[in-house]
Amino acid sequence: MDFKNATLPLVQYFQRSLDIFASVRAYKLDSDVLLPALMIKQVDDTTIQIIVRSNDDIEALELCEFIGNDLKRNFARVTGINIFDIDFQSTPIPDLDEETDDPEAWCYLSINYFEN
């Protein structure tokens, strides 16, 4: 069975289902990205990272938590990949982007899916 990257199906899910982000990206948030912004990337075959960048640190943290919980509750709605479980590996952590000094929050999620 071939490896299937979960990043693009997750990005497409959030682009379709949420209008709270000005930008939803895979792998990288450019310094000039419109905020609030969501970035999703697959770190290894069972881990994804979520980063939310905002103008406000509390908003970034709350949105990161919201995204993780939304995925836990609604992973069956993601198309293009057959997910059977998602859960937090780490709680959302507030931070500052090193390049822009914009507030952000990030977390890691365990993802288990069939590679079909």
PDB file of N, CA and C in Angstrom:
ATOM      1  N   MET A   1       0.844  -1.171   0.000  1.00  0.00           N
ATOM      2  CA  MET A   1       0.000   0.000   0.000  1.00  0.00           C
ATOM      3  C   MET A   1       0.893   1.240   0.000  1.00  0.00           C
ATOM      4  N   ASP A   2       0.591   2.204  -0.842  1.00  0.00           N
ATOM      5  CA  ASP A   2       1.377   3.423  -0.943  1.00  0.00           C
ATOM      6  C   ASP A   2       1.061   4.396   0.195  1.00  0.00           C
ATOM      7  N   PHE A   3       2.066   5.179   0.583  1.00  0.00           N
ATOM      8  CA  PHE A   3       1.876   6.236   1.571  1.00  0.00           C
ATOM      9  C   PHE A   3       0.986   7.322   0.989  1.00  0.00           C
ATOM     10  N   LYS A   4       0.090   7.849   1.783  1.00  0.00           N
ATOM     11  CA  LYS A   4      -0.772   8.963   1.389  1.00  0.00           C
ATOM     12  C   LYS A   4      -0.600  10.058   2.428  1.00  0.00           C
ATOM     13  N   ASN A   5      -0.191  11.232   2.002  1.00  0.00           N
ATOM     14  CA  ASN A   5      -0.004  12.369   2.889  1.00  0.00           C
ATOM     15  C   ASN A   5      -1.370  12.948   3.259  1.00  0.00           C
ATOM     16  N   ALA A   6      -1.602  13.166   4.544  1.00  0.00           N
ATOM     17  CA  ALA A   6      -2.890  13.667   5.032  1.00  0.00           C
ATOM     18  C   ALA A   6      -3.022  15.178   4.930  1.00  0.00           C
ATOM     19  N   THR A   7      -1.938  15.884   4.646  1.00  0.00           N
ATOM     20  CA  THR A   7      -1.957  17.351   4.703  1.00  0.00           C
ATOM     21  C   THR A   7      -2.983  17.974   3.772  1.00  0.00           C
ATOM     22  N   LEU A   8      -2.938  17.662   2.496  1.00  0.00           N
ATOM     23  CA  LEU A   8      -3.830  18.327   1.539  1.00  0.00           C
ATOM     24  C   LEU A   8      -5.307  18.028   1.782  1.00  0.00           C
ATOM     25  N   PRO A   9      -5.707  16.780   2.091  1.00  0.00           N
ATOM     26  CA  PRO A   9      -7.111  16.573   2.442  1.00  0.00           C
ATOM     27  C   PRO A   9      -7.554  17.386   3.662  1.00  0.00           C
ATOM     28  N   LEU A  10      -6.672  17.547   4.649  1.00  0.00           N
ATOM     29  CA  LEU A  10      -7.029  18.347   5.828  1.00  0.00           C
ATOM     30  C   LEU A  10      -7.139  19.829   5.475  1.00  0.00           C
ATOM     31  N   VAL A  11      -6.209  20.336   4.687  1.00  0.00           N
ATOM     32  CA  VAL A  11      -6.275  21.737   4.250  1.00  0.00           C
ATOM     33  C   VAL A  11      -7.566  21.978   3.471  1.00  0.00           C
ATOM     34  N   GLN A  12      -7.894  21.090   2.560  1.00  0.00           N
ATOM     35  CA  GLN A  12      -9.115  21.241   1.764  1.00  0.00           C
ATOM     36  C   GLN A  12     -10.361  21.180   2.635  1.00  0.00           C
ATOM     37  N   TYR A  13     -10.346  20.325   3.651  1.00  0.00           N
ATOM     38  CA  TYR A  13     -11.472  20.240   4.586  1.00  0.00           C
ATOM     39  C   TYR A  13     -11.700  21.592   5.267  1.00  0.00           C
ATOM     40  N   PHE A  14     -10.635  22.204   5.777  1.00  0.00           N
ATOM     41  CA  PHE A  14     -10.807  23.478   6.480  1.00  0.00           C
ATOM     42  C   PHE A  14     -11.106  24.626   5.524  1.00  0.00           C
ATOM     43  N   GLN A  15     -10.603  24.587   4.319  1.00  0.00           N
ATOM     44  CA  GLN A  15     -10.956  25.614   3.338  1.00  0.00           C
ATOM     45  C   GLN A  15     -12.446  25.547   3.009  1.00  0.00           C
ATOM     46  N   ARG A  16     -13.001  24.335   2.958  1.00  0.00           N
ATOM     47  CA  ARG A  16     -14.420  24.132   2.656  1.00  0.00           C
ATOM     48  C   ARG A  16     -15.320  24.441   3.838  1.00  0.00           C
ATOM     49  N   SER A  17     -14.906  24.055   5.037  1.00  0.00           N
ATOM     50  CA  SER A  17     -15.840  24.020   6.162  1.00  0.00           C
ATOM     51  C   SER A  17     -15.780  25.224   7.095  1.00  0.00           C
ATOM     52  N   LEU A  18     -14.714  26.014   7.044  1.00  0.00           N
ATOM     53  CA  LEU A  18     -14.589  27.139   7.979  1.00  0.00           C
ATOM     54  C   LEU A  18     -14.337  28.440   7.237  1.00  0.00           C
ATOM     55  N   ASP A  19     -14.926  29.505   7.743  1.00  0.00           N
ATOM     56  CA  ASP A  19     -14.637  30.816   7.177  1.00  0.00           C
ATOM     57  C   ASP A  19     -14.011  31.748   8.222  1.00  0.00           C
ATOM     58  N   ILE A  20     -13.433  31.184   9.272  1.00  0.00           N
ATOM     59  CA  ILE A  20     -12.841  32.006  10.331  1.00  0.00           C
ATOM     60  C   ILE A  20     -11.384  32.359  10.048  1.00  0.00           C
ATOM     61  N   PHE A  21     -10.793  31.714   9.041  1.00  0.00           N
ATOM     62  CA  PHE A  21      -9.391  31.978   8.703  1.00  0.00           C
ATOM     63  C   PHE A  21      -9.298  32.740   7.393  1.00  0.00           C
ATOM     64  N   ALA A  22      -8.438  33.755   7.377  1.00  0.00           N
ATOM     65  CA  ALA A  22      -8.173  34.471   6.137  1.00  0.00           C
ATOM     66  C   ALA A  22      -7.314  33.625   5.207  1.00  0.00           C
ATOM     67  N   SER A  23      -6.515  32.718   5.783  1.00  0.00           N
ATOM     68  CA  SER A  23      -5.621  31.852   5.007  1.00  0.00           C
ATOM     69  C   SER A  23      -5.567  30.464   5.638  1.00  0.00           C
ATOM     70  N   VAL A  24      -5.622  29.448   4.796  1.00  0.00           N
ATOM     71  CA  VAL A  24      -5.400  28.070   5.223  1.00  0.00           C
ATOM     72  C   VAL A  24      -4.330  27.514   4.295  1.00  0.00           C
ATOM     73  N   ARG A  25      -3.209  27.108   4.855  1.00  0.00           N
ATOM     74  CA  ARG A  25      -2.050  26.715   4.055  1.00  0.00           C
ATOM     75  C   ARG A  25      -1.514  25.353   4.474  1.00  0.00           C
ATOM     76  N   ALA A  26      -0.765  24.769   3.570  1.00  0.00           N
ATOM     77  CA  ALA A  26      -0.043  23.528   3.846  1.00  0.00           C
ATOM     78  C   ALA A  26       1.433  23.857   3.985  1.00  0.00           C
ATOM     79  N   TYR A  27       2.056  23.355   5.014  1.00  0.00           N
ATOM     80  CA  TYR A  27       3.514  23.341   5.224  1.00  0.00           C
ATOM     81  C   TYR A  27       4.176  24.654   5.608  1.00  0.00           C
ATOM     82  N   LYS A  28       3.684  25.815   5.162  1.00  0.00           N
ATOM     83  CA  LYS A  28       4.421  27.048   5.426  1.00  0.00           C
ATOM     84  C   LYS A  28       3.470  28.230   5.456  1.00  0.00           C
ATOM     85  N   LEU A  29       3.707  29.114   6.413  1.00  0.00           N
ATOM     86  CA  LEU A  29       2.994  30.389   6.448  1.00  0.00           C
ATOM     87  C   LEU A  29       3.988  31.484   6.092  1.00  0.00           C
ATOM     88  N   ASP A  30       3.778  32.134   4.974  1.00  0.00           N
ATOM     89  CA  ASP A  30       4.662  33.230   4.580  1.00  0.00           C
ATOM     90  C   ASP A  30       4.489  34.404   5.530  1.00  0.00           C
ATOM     91  N   SER A  31       5.471  35.273   5.572  1.00  0.00           N
ATOM     92  CA  SER A  31       5.435  36.405   6.501  1.00  0.00           C
ATOM     93  C   SER A  31       4.320  37.395   6.170  1.00  0.00           C
ATOM     94  N   ASP A  32       3.876  37.426   4.919  1.00  0.00           N
ATOM     95  CA  ASP A  32       2.842  38.380   4.530  1.00  0.00           C
ATOM     96  C   ASP A  32       1.446  37.753   4.455  1.00  0.00           C
ATOM     97  N   VAL A  33       1.280  36.562   5.043  1.00  0.00           N
ATOM     98  CA  VAL A  33      -0.002  35.871   4.994  1.00  0.00           C
ATOM     99  C   VAL A  33      -1.057  36.668   5.760  1.00  0.00           C
ATOM    100  N   LEU A  34      -2.290  36.662   5.250  1.00  0.00           N
ATOM    101  CA  LEU A  34      -3.392  37.323   5.930  1.00  0.00           C
ATOM    102  C   LEU A  34      -3.748  36.553   7.194  1.00  0.00           C
ATOM    103  N   LEU A  35      -3.996  37.271   8.279  1.00  0.00           N
ATOM    104  CA  LEU A  35      -4.301  36.665   9.576  1.00  0.00           C
ATOM    105  C   LEU A  35      -5.774  36.824   9.904  1.00  0.00           C
ATOM    106  N   PRO A  36      -6.347  35.913  10.654  1.00  0.00           N
ATOM    107  CA  PRO A  36      -5.736  34.716  11.221  1.00  0.00           C
ATOM    108  C   PRO A  36      -5.482  33.672  10.139  1.00  0.00           C
ATOM    109  N   ALA A  37      -4.439  32.902  10.344  1.00  0.00           N
ATOM    110  CA  ALA A  37      -4.018  31.903   9.375  1.00  0.00           C
ATOM    111  C   ALA A  37      -3.847  30.545  10.043  1.00  0.00           C
ATOM    112  N   LEU A  38      -4.154  29.510   9.295  1.00  0.00           N
ATOM    113  CA  LEU A  38      -4.013  28.137   9.748  1.00  0.00           C
ATOM    114  C   LEU A  38      -3.028  27.434   8.834  1.00  0.00           C
ATOM    115  N   MET A  39      -2.079  26.713   9.428  1.00  0.00           N
ATOM    116  CA  MET A  39      -1.122  25.924   8.670  1.00  0.00           C
ATOM    117  C   MET A  39      -1.173  24.494   9.198  1.00  0.00           C
ATOM    118  N   ILE A  40      -1.213  23.544   8.262  1.00  0.00           N
ATOM    119  CA  ILE A  40      -1.233  22.127   8.608  1.00  0.00           C
ATOM    120  C   ILE A  40      -0.116  21.447   7.843  1.00  0.00           C
ATOM    121  N   LYS A  41       0.623  20.577   8.548  1.00  0.00           N
ATOM    122  CA  LYS A  41       1.624  19.775   7.851  1.00  0.00           C
ATOM    123  C   LYS A  41       1.753  18.420   8.529  1.00  0.00           C
ATOM    124  N   GLN A  42       2.044  17.427   7.706  1.00  0.00           N
ATOM    125  CA  GLN A  42       2.293  16.091   8.232  1.00  0.00           C
ATOM    126  C   GLN A  42       3.763  16.000   8.599  1.00  0.00           C
ATOM    127  N   VAL A  43       4.039  15.615   9.850  1.00  0.00           N
ATOM    128  CA  VAL A  43       5.403  15.545  10.370  1.00  0.00           C
ATOM    129  C   VAL A  43       5.990  14.160  10.139  1.00  0.00           C
ATOM    130  N   ASP A  44       5.208  13.142  10.380  1.00  0.00           N
ATOM    131  CA  ASP A  44       5.592  11.769  10.050  1.00  0.00           C
ATOM    132  C   ASP A  44       4.323  11.010   9.713  1.00  0.00           C
ATOM    133  N   ASP A  45       4.397   9.707   9.581  1.00  0.00           N
ATOM    134  CA  ASP A  45       3.225   8.977   9.097  1.00  0.00           C
ATOM    135  C   ASP A  45       2.053   8.947  10.069  1.00  0.00           C
ATOM    136  N   THR A  46       2.233   9.321  11.326  1.00  0.00           N
ATOM    137  CA  THR A  46       1.114   9.340  12.277  1.00  0.00           C
ATOM    138  C   THR A  46       1.004  10.656  13.063  1.00  0.00           C
ATOM    139  N   THR A  47       1.673  11.699  12.622  1.00  0.00           N
ATOM    140  CA  THR A  47       1.648  12.976  13.346  1.00  0.00           C
ATOM    141  C   THR A  47       1.444  14.131  12.379  1.00  0.00           C
ATOM    142  N   ILE A  48       0.510  15.020  12.740  1.00  0.00           N
ATOM    143  CA  ILE A  48       0.353  16.272  12.014  1.00  0.00           C
ATOM    144  C   ILE A  48       0.578  17.417  12.982  1.00  0.00           C
ATOM    145  N   GLN A  49       1.045  18.529  12.447  1.00  0.00           N
ATOM    146  CA  GLN A  49       1.222  19.740  13.241  1.00  0.00           C
ATOM    147  C   GLN A  49       0.237  20.783  12.736  1.00  0.00           C
ATOM    148  N   ILE A  50      -0.348  21.485  13.684  1.00  0.00           N
ATOM    149  CA  ILE A  50      -1.238  22.598  13.387  1.00  0.00           C
ATOM    150  C   ILE A  50      -0.600  23.844  13.968  1.00  0.00           C
ATOM    151  N   ILE A  51      -0.531  24.898  13.162  1.00  0.00           N
ATOM    152  CA  ILE A  51      -0.081  26.202  13.647  1.00  0.00           C
ATOM    153  C   ILE A  51      -1.146  27.213  13.275  1.00  0.00           C
ATOM    154  N   VAL A  52      -1.548  28.017  14.255  1.00  0.00           N
ATOM    155  CA  VAL A  52      -2.478  29.115  14.025  1.00  0.00           C
ATOM    156  C   VAL A  52      -1.756  30.399  14.349  1.00  0.00           C
ATOM    157  N   ARG A  53      -1.738  31.311  13.407  1.00  0.00           N
ATOM    158  CA  ARG A  53      -1.113  32.616  13.615  1.00  0.00           C
ATOM    159  C   ARG A  53      -2.207  33.683  13.573  1.00  0.00           C
ATOM    160  N   SER A  54      -2.095  34.649  14.478  1.00  0.00           N
ATOM    161  CA  SER A  54      -3.116  35.677  14.605  1.00  0.00           C
ATOM    162  C   SER A  54      -2.469  36.985  15.041  1.00  0.00           C
ATOM    163  N   ASN A  55      -3.267  38.030  15.090  1.00  0.00           N
ATOM    164  CA  ASN A  55      -2.800  39.302  15.642  1.00  0.00           C
ATOM    165  C   ASN A  55      -2.892  39.312  17.164  1.00  0.00           C
ATOM    166  N   ASP A  56      -3.573  38.314  17.729  1.00  0.00           N
ATOM    167  CA  ASP A  56      -3.834  38.261  19.165  1.00  0.00           C
ATOM    168  C   ASP A  56      -3.429  36.894  19.714  1.00  0.00           C
ATOM    169  N   ASP A  57      -2.671  36.878  20.801  1.00  0.00           N
ATOM    170  CA  ASP A  57      -2.179  35.608  21.347  1.00  0.00           C
ATOM    171  C   ASP A  57      -3.297  34.702  21.869  1.00  0.00           C
ATOM    172  N   ILE A  58      -4.306  35.278  22.504  1.00  0.00           N
ATOM    173  CA  ILE A  58      -5.420  34.482  23.025  1.00  0.00           C
ATOM    174  C   ILE A  58      -6.222  33.886  21.873  1.00  0.00           C
ATOM    175  N   GLU A  59      -6.457  34.682  20.835  1.00  0.00           N
ATOM    176  CA  GLU A  59      -7.181  34.170  19.674  1.00  0.00           C
ATOM    177  C   GLU A  59      -6.416  33.012  19.026  1.00  0.00           C
ATOM    178  N   ALA A  60      -5.114  33.145  18.882  1.00  0.00           N
ATOM    179  CA  ALA A  60      -4.306  32.080  18.278  1.00  0.00           C
ATOM    180  C   ALA A  60      -4.437  30.794  19.082  1.00  0.00           C
ATOM    181  N   LEU A  61      -4.346  30.901  20.400  1.00  0.00           N
ATOM    182  CA  LEU A  61      -4.452  29.722  21.264  1.00  0.00           C
ATOM    183  C   LEU A  61      -5.840  29.101  21.178  1.00  0.00           C
ATOM    184  N   GLU A  62      -6.875  29.924  21.240  1.00  0.00           N
ATOM    185  CA  GLU A  62      -8.241  29.408  21.183  1.00  0.00           C
ATOM    186  C   GLU A  62      -8.543  28.759  19.835  1.00  0.00           C
ATOM    187  N   LEU A  63      -8.065  29.359  18.745  1.00  0.00           N
ATOM    188  CA  LEU A  63      -8.304  28.779  17.422  1.00  0.00           C
ATOM    189  C   LEU A  63      -7.549  27.466  17.236  1.00  0.00           C
ATOM    190  N   CYS A  64      -6.345  27.380  17.767  1.00  0.00           N
ATOM    191  CA  CYS A  64      -5.578  26.138  17.678  1.00  0.00           C
ATOM    192  C   CYS A  64      -6.313  25.020  18.429  1.00  0.00           C
ATOM    193  N   GLU A  65      -6.798  25.320  19.599  1.00  0.00           N
ATOM    194  CA  GLU A  65      -7.570  24.350  20.379  1.00  0.00           C
ATOM    195  C   GLU A  65      -8.852  23.966  19.643  1.00  0.00           C
ATOM    196  N   PHE A  66      -9.520  24.958  19.061  1.00  0.00           N
ATOM    197  CA  PHE A  66     -10.746  24.703  18.314  1.00  0.00           C
ATOM    198  C   PHE A  66     -10.495  23.758  17.138  1.00  0.00           C
ATOM    199  N   ILE A  67      -9.424  24.000  16.394  1.00  0.00           N
ATOM    200  CA  ILE A  67      -9.101  23.170  15.232  1.00  0.00           C
ATOM    201  C   ILE A  67      -8.829  21.723  15.649  1.00  0.00           C
ATOM    202  N   GLY A  68      -8.033  21.540  16.701  1.00  0.00           N
ATOM    203  CA  GLY A  68      -7.761  20.192  17.184  1.00  0.00           C
ATOM    204  C   GLY A  68      -9.028  19.473  17.608  1.00  0.00           C
ATOM    205  N   ASN A  69      -9.889  20.170  18.349  1.00  0.00           N
ATOM    206  CA  ASN A  69     -11.143  19.561  18.797  1.00  0.00           C
ATOM    207  C   ASN A  69     -12.090  19.301  17.626  1.00  0.00           C
ATOM    208  N   ASP A  70     -12.118  20.203  16.656  1.00  0.00           N
ATOM    209  CA  ASP A  70     -12.954  20.002  15.478  1.00  0.00           C
ATOM    210  C   ASP A  70     -12.523  18.743  14.720  1.00  0.00           C
ATOM    211  N   LEU A  71     -11.223  18.565  14.569  1.00  0.00           N
ATOM    212  CA  LEU A  71     -10.732  17.355  13.902  1.00  0.00           C
ATOM    213  C   LEU A  71     -11.072  16.096  14.697  1.00  0.00           C
ATOM    214  N   LYS A  72     -10.948  16.165  16.023  1.00  0.00           N
ATOM    215  CA  LYS A  72     -11.295  15.000  16.849  1.00  0.00           C
ATOM    216  C   LYS A  72     -12.756  14.608  16.664  1.00  0.00           C
ATOM    217  N   ARG A  73     -13.639  15.603  16.574  1.00  0.00           N
ATOM    218  CA  ARG A  73     -15.075  15.338  16.473  1.00  0.00           C
ATOM    219  C   ARG A  73     -15.522  15.011  15.051  1.00  0.00           C
ATOM    220  N   ASN A  74     -14.893  15.606  14.052  1.00  0.00           N
ATOM    221  CA  ASN A  74     -15.434  15.572  12.693  1.00  0.00           C
ATOM    222  C   ASN A  74     -14.508  14.954  11.653  1.00  0.00           C
ATOM    223  N   PHE A  75     -13.557  14.132  12.064  1.00  0.00           N
ATOM    224  CA  PHE A  75     -12.596  13.593  11.094  1.00  0.00           C
ATOM    225  C   PHE A  75     -13.270  12.788   9.984  1.00  0.00           C
ATOM    226  N   ALA A  76     -14.451  12.244  10.226  1.00  0.00           N
ATOM    227  CA  ALA A  76     -15.142  11.471   9.197  1.00  0.00           C
ATOM    228  C   ALA A  76     -15.578  12.350   8.024  1.00  0.00           C
ATOM    229  N   ARG A  77     -15.624  13.653   8.209  1.00  0.00           N
ATOM    230  CA  ARG A  77     -16.024  14.584   7.136  1.00  0.00           C
ATOM    231  C   ARG A  77     -14.875  14.929   6.187  1.00  0.00           C
ATOM    232  N   VAL A  78     -13.662  14.561   6.558  1.00  0.00           N
ATOM    233  CA  VAL A  78     -12.508  14.843   5.706  1.00  0.00           C
ATOM    234  C   VAL A  78     -12.555  13.871   4.532  1.00  0.00           C
ATOM    235  N   THR A  79     -12.522  14.414   3.324  1.00  0.00           N
ATOM    236  CA  THR A  79     -12.551  13.568   2.137  1.00  0.00           C
ATOM    237  C   THR A  79     -11.149  13.423   1.558  1.00  0.00           C
ATOM    238  N   GLY A  80     -10.939  12.356   0.817  1.00  0.00           N
ATOM    239  CA  GLY A  80      -9.652  12.119   0.179  1.00  0.00           C
ATOM    240  C   GLY A  80      -8.706  11.270   1.006  1.00  0.00           C
ATOM    241  N   ILE A  81      -9.127  10.943   2.221  1.00  0.00           N
ATOM    242  CA  ILE A  81      -8.324  10.091   3.095  1.00  0.00           C
ATOM    243  C   ILE A  81      -9.275   9.440   4.105  1.00  0.00           C
ATOM    244  N   ASN A  82      -9.009   8.214   4.464  1.00  0.00           N
ATOM    245  CA  ASN A  82      -9.900   7.458   5.344  1.00  0.00           C
ATOM    246  C   ASN A  82      -9.347   7.460   6.771  1.00  0.00           C
ATOM    247  N   ILE A  83      -9.666   8.512   7.523  1.00  0.00           N
ATOM    248  CA  ILE A  83      -9.178   8.666   8.900  1.00  0.00           C
ATOM    249  C   ILE A  83     -10.059   7.849   9.836  1.00  0.00           C
ATOM    250  N   PHE A  84      -9.426   7.137  10.778  1.00  0.00           N
ATOM    251  CA  PHE A  84     -10.220   6.435  11.787  1.00  0.00           C
ATOM    252  C   PHE A  84      -9.933   6.895  13.206  1.00  0.00           C
ATOM    253  N   ASP A  85      -8.965   7.809  13.410  1.00  0.00           N
ATOM    254  CA  ASP A  85      -8.745   8.368  14.745  1.00  0.00           C
ATOM    255  C   ASP A  85      -7.807   9.569  14.672  1.00  0.00           C
ATOM    256  N   ILE A  86      -8.131  10.597  15.428  1.00  0.00           N
ATOM    257  CA  ILE A  86      -7.263  11.764  15.622  1.00  0.00           C
ATOM    258  C   ILE A  86      -7.351  12.145  17.087  1.00  0.00           C
ATOM    259  N   ASP A  87      -6.202  12.464  17.693  1.00  0.00           N
ATOM    260  CA  ASP A  87      -6.187  12.918  19.083  1.00  0.00           C
ATOM    261  C   ASP A  87      -4.968  13.807  19.318  1.00  0.00           C
ATOM    262  N   PHE A  88      -5.037  14.614  20.339  1.00  0.00           N
ATOM    263  CA  PHE A  88      -3.927  15.496  20.686  1.00  0.00           C
ATOM    264  C   PHE A  88      -2.718  14.695  21.166  1.00  0.00           C
ATOM    265  N   GLN A  89      -1.539  14.995  20.644  1.00  0.00           N
ATOM    266  CA  GLN A  89      -0.277  14.507  21.207  1.00  0.00           C
ATOM    267  C   GLN A  89       0.254  15.521  22.203  1.00  0.00           C
ATOM    268  N   SER A  90      -0.021  16.792  21.927  1.00  0.00           N
ATOM    269  CA  SER A  90       0.378  17.872  22.836  1.00  0.00           C
ATOM    270  C   SER A  90      -0.767  18.865  22.906  1.00  0.00           C
ATOM    271  N   THR A  91      -0.870  19.539  24.022  1.00  0.00           N
ATOM    272  CA  THR A  91      -1.863  20.598  24.120  1.00  0.00           C
ATOM    273  C   THR A  91      -1.372  21.790  23.311  1.00  0.00           C
ATOM    274  N   PRO A  92      -2.279  22.669  22.865  1.00  0.00           N
ATOM    275  CA  PRO A  92      -1.833  23.862  22.142  1.00  0.00           C
ATOM    276  C   PRO A  92      -0.889  24.711  22.995  1.00  0.00           C
ATOM    277  N   ILE A  93       0.167  25.173  22.355  1.00  0.00           N
ATOM    278  CA  ILE A  93       1.210  25.932  23.041  1.00  0.00           C
ATOM    279  C   ILE A  93       1.309  27.319  22.425  1.00  0.00           C
ATOM    280  N   PRO A  94       1.174  28.376  23.223  1.00  0.00           N
ATOM    281  CA  PRO A  94       1.320  29.724  22.674  1.00  0.00           C
ATOM    282  C   PRO A  94       2.780  30.020  22.363  1.00  0.00           C
ATOM    283  N   ASP A  95       2.995  30.838  21.339  1.00  0.00           N
ATOM    284  CA  ASP A  95       4.350  31.140  20.891  1.00  0.00           C
ATOM    285  C   ASP A  95       4.328  32.431  20.090  1.00  0.00           C
ATOM    286  N   LEU A  96       5.496  32.863  19.655  1.00  0.00           N
ATOM    287  CA  LEU A  96       5.634  33.985  18.720  1.00  0.00           C
ATOM    288  C   LEU A  96       6.396  33.492  17.508  1.00  0.00           C
ATOM    289  N   ASP A  97       5.912  33.862  16.323  1.00  0.00           N
ATOM    290  CA  ASP A  97       6.637  33.509  15.117  1.00  0.00           C
ATOM    291  C   ASP A  97       7.967  34.261  15.115  1.00  0.00           C
ATOM    292  N   GLU A  98       9.051  33.557  14.880  1.00  0.00           N
ATOM    293  CA  GLU A  98      10.390  34.162  14.933  1.00  0.00           C
ATOM    294  C   GLU A  98      10.611  35.200  13.840  1.00  0.00           C
ATOM    295  N   GLU A  99      10.007  34.987  12.686  1.00  0.00           N
ATOM    296  CA  GLU A  99      10.217  35.891  11.556  1.00  0.00           C
ATOM    297  C   GLU A  99       9.394  37.175  11.652  1.00  0.00           C
ATOM    298  N   THR A 100       8.141  37.055  12.098  1.00  0.00           N
ATOM    299  CA  THR A 100       7.225  38.206  12.086  1.00  0.00           C
ATOM    300  C   THR A 100       6.894  38.759  13.464  1.00  0.00           C
ATOM    301  N   ASP A 101       7.199  38.013  14.511  1.00  0.00           N
ATOM    302  CA  ASP A 101       6.792  38.337  15.884  1.00  0.00           C
ATOM    303  C   ASP A 101       5.275  38.317  16.077  1.00  0.00           C
ATOM    304  N   ASP A 102       4.548  37.706  15.155  1.00  0.00           N
ATOM    305  CA  ASP A 102       3.104  37.563  15.312  1.00  0.00           C
ATOM    306  C   ASP A 102       2.813  36.456  16.314  1.00  0.00           C
ATOM    307  N   PRO A 103       1.785  36.634  17.141  1.00  0.00           N
ATOM    308  CA  PRO A 103       1.390  35.566  18.050  1.00  0.00           C
ATOM    309  C   PRO A 103       0.923  34.344  17.271  1.00  0.00           C
ATOM    310  N   GLU A 104       1.279  33.185  17.765  1.00  0.00           N
ATOM    311  CA  GLU A 104       0.810  31.949  17.171  1.00  0.00           C
ATOM    312  C   GLU A 104       0.665  30.903  18.264  1.00  0.00           C
ATOM    313  N   ALA A 105       0.002  29.818  17.915  1.00  0.00           N
ATOM    314  CA  ALA A 105      -0.120  28.659  18.799  1.00  0.00           C
ATOM    315  C   ALA A 105       0.015  27.425  17.924  1.00  0.00           C
ATOM    316  N   TRP A 106       0.574  26.387  18.500  1.00  0.00           N
ATOM    317  CA  TRP A 106       0.772  25.159  17.726  1.00  0.00           C
ATOM    318  C   TRP A 106       0.535  23.950  18.607  1.00  0.00           C
ATOM    319  N   CYS A 107       0.255  22.837  17.953  1.00  0.00           N
ATOM    320  CA  CYS A 107       0.117  21.559  18.644  1.00  0.00           C
ATOM    321  C   CYS A 107       0.365  20.437  17.651  1.00  0.00           C
ATOM    322  N   TYR A 108       0.585  19.259  18.203  1.00  0.00           N
ATOM    323  CA  TYR A 108       0.732  18.052  17.405  1.00  0.00           C
ATOM    324  C   TYR A 108      -0.471  17.154  17.660  1.00  0.00           C
ATOM    325  N   LEU A 109      -0.951  16.523  16.595  1.00  0.00           N
ATOM    326  CA  LEU A 109      -2.053  15.581  16.692  1.00  0.00           C
ATOM    327  C   LEU A 109      -1.606  14.232  16.141  1.00  0.00           C
ATOM    328  N   SER A 110      -2.016  13.176  16.828  1.00  0.00           N
ATOM    329  CA  SER A 110      -1.836  11.824  16.289  1.00  0.00           C
ATOM    330  C   SER A 110      -2.948  11.579  15.289  1.00  0.00           C
ATOM    331  N   ILE A 111      -2.597  11.054  14.140  1.00  0.00           N
ATOM    332  CA  ILE A 111      -3.595  10.743  13.124  1.00  0.00           C
ATOM    333  C   ILE A 111      -3.379   9.307  12.658  1.00  0.00           C
ATOM    334  N   ASN A 112      -4.463   8.558  12.636  1.00  0.00           N
ATOM    335  CA  ASN A 112      -4.416   7.182  12.139  1.00  0.00           C
ATOM    336  C   ASN A 112      -5.425   7.091  10.997  1.00  0.00           C
ATOM    337  N   TYR A 113      -4.942   6.589   9.875  1.00  0.00           N
ATOM    338  CA  TYR A 113      -5.782   6.516   8.692  1.00  0.00           C
ATOM    339  C   TYR A 113      -5.331   5.377   7.796  1.00  0.00           C
ATOM    340  N   PHE A 114      -6.240   4.975   6.924  1.00  0.00           N
ATOM    341  CA  PHE A 114      -5.918   3.965   5.931  1.00  0.00           C
ATOM    342  C   PHE A 114      -5.315   4.654   4.732  1.00  0.00           C
ATOM    343  N   GLU A 115      -4.260   4.108   4.197  1.00  0.00           N
ATOM    344  CA  GLU A 115      -3.584   4.691   3.054  1.00  0.00           C
ATOM    345  C   GLU A 115      -4.156   4.136   1.779  1.00  0.00           C
ATOM    346  N   ASN A 116      -5.358   4.625   1.423  1.00  0.00           N
ATOM    347  CA  ASN A 116      -5.978   4.135   0.206  1.00  0.00           C
ATOM    348  C   ASN A 116      -6.311   5.248  -0.750  1.00  0.00           C
TER     349      ASN A 116
END
